[in-house]
C-alpha atoms as a PDB file:
ATOM      1  CA  MET A   1      -4.112   1.785  12.338  1.00  0.00           C
ATOM      2  CA  LYS A   2      -0.993  -0.017  11.306  1.00  0.00           C
ATOM      3  CA  GLU A   3       1.409   1.912   9.093  1.00  0.00           C
ATOM      4  CA  LYS A   4       3.382   0.190   6.381  1.00  0.00           C
ATOM      5  CA  ASN A   5       7.064   0.922   6.276  1.00  0.00           C
ATOM      6  CA  THR A   6       7.806   1.034   2.558  1.00  0.00           C
ATOM      7  CA  GLN A   7      11.078   2.078   1.033  1.00  0.00           C
ATOM      8  CA  LYS A   8      10.344   4.196  -1.984  1.00  0.00           C
ATOM      9  CA  GLY A   9      13.138   4.530  -4.492  1.00  0.00           C
ATOM     10  CA  ARG A  10      14.860   1.278  -3.539  1.00  0.00           C
ATOM     11  CA  PHE A  11      14.946  -0.013  -7.120  1.00  0.00           C
ATOM     12  CA  ILE A  12      16.051   3.360  -8.471  1.00  0.00           C
ATOM     13  CA  GLY A  13      18.995   3.274  -6.080  1.00  0.00           C
ATOM     14  CA  LEU A  14      19.877  -0.264  -7.106  1.00  0.00           C
ATOM     15  CA  GLY A  15      19.699   0.741 -10.763  1.00  0.00           C
ATOM     16  CA  LEU A  16      21.969   3.680 -10.043  1.00  0.00           C
ATOM     17  CA  VAL A  17      24.549   1.429  -8.405  1.00  0.00           C
ATOM     18  CA  PHE A  18      24.292  -1.178 -11.164  1.00  0.00           C
ATOM     19  CA  GLY A  19      24.637   1.470 -13.879  1.00  0.00           C
ATOM     20  CA  THR A  20      27.658   3.007 -12.182  1.00  0.00           C
ATOM     21  CA  VAL A  21      29.443  -0.338 -11.863  1.00  0.00           C
ATOM     22  CA  VAL A  22      28.775  -1.355 -15.464  1.00  0.00           C
ATOM     23  CA  GLY A  23      29.705   2.126 -16.659  1.00  0.00           C
ATOM     24  CA  VAL A  24      33.050   2.023 -14.906  1.00  0.00           C
ATOM     25  CA  LEU A  25      33.778  -1.442 -16.267  1.00  0.00           C
ATOM     26  CA  THR A  26      32.931  -0.460 -19.857  1.00  0.00           C
ATOM     27  CA  ASP A  27      34.383   3.080 -19.681  1.00  0.00           C
ATOM     28  CA  ASN A  28      31.012   4.541 -20.698  1.00  0.00           C
ATOM     29  CA  ILE A  29      29.600   5.800 -17.418  1.00  0.00           C
ATOM     30  CA  GLY A  30      27.235   8.352 -18.971  1.00  0.00           C
ATOM     31  CA  LEU A  31      25.307   5.760 -20.924  1.00  0.00           C
ATOM     32  CA  TRP A  32      25.109   3.136 -18.196  1.00  0.00           C
ATOM     33  CA  LEU A  33      24.310   5.578 -15.413  1.00  0.00           C
ATOM     34  CA  SER A  34      21.265   6.822 -17.283  1.00  0.00           C
ATOM     35  CA  LEU A  35      20.241   3.285 -18.293  1.00  0.00           C
ATOM     36  CA  GLY A  36      20.530   2.165 -14.677  1.00  0.00           C
ATOM     37  CA  ILE A  37      18.198   4.943 -13.567  1.00  0.00           C
ATOM     38  CA  VAL A  38      15.704   4.072 -16.318  1.00  0.00           C
ATOM     39  CA  PHE A  39      15.706   0.363 -15.464  1.00  0.00           C
ATOM     40  CA  GLY A  40      15.411   1.159 -11.762  1.00  0.00           C
ATOM     41  CA  ALA A  41      12.450   3.441 -12.360  1.00  0.00           C
ATOM     42  CA  ALA A  42      10.765   0.798 -14.512  1.00  0.00           C
ATOM     43  CA  LEU A  43      11.208  -1.834 -11.797  1.00  0.00           C
ATOM     44  CA  GLU A  44       9.909   0.633  -9.211  1.00  0.00           C
ATOM     45  CA  MET A  45       6.715   1.190 -11.206  1.00  0.00           C
ATOM     46  CA  LYS A  46       6.283  -2.539 -11.826  1.00  0.00           C
ATOM     47  CA  ASN A  47       6.670  -3.251  -8.108  1.00  0.00           C
ATOM     48  CA  LYS A  48       4.158  -0.501  -7.288  1.00  0.00           C
ATOM     49  CA  ASP A  49       1.622  -2.001  -9.713  1.00  0.00           C
ATOM     50  CA  LEU A  50       2.052  -5.465  -8.222  1.00  0.00           C
ATOM     51  CA  LYS A  51       1.481  -4.155  -4.694  1.00  0.00           C
ATOM     52  CA  ASN A  52      -1.663  -2.281  -5.760  1.00  0.00           C
ATOM     53  CA  LYS A  53      -3.201  -5.439  -7.243  1.00  0.00           C
ATOM     54  CA  LYS A  54      -3.006  -7.316  -3.913  1.00  0.00           C
END
């Protein structure tokens, strides 16, 4: 059998980085860090759903 090499949590990590950068720029890191995690988790679930439909 051929194993797929999937990277779980990739979008959560990108959301974390994005939220940190925006938070530093706006001086509100608490808000943007949590929003980055939420958006990353939402994209992760959306990507998972798209892969399951194929």
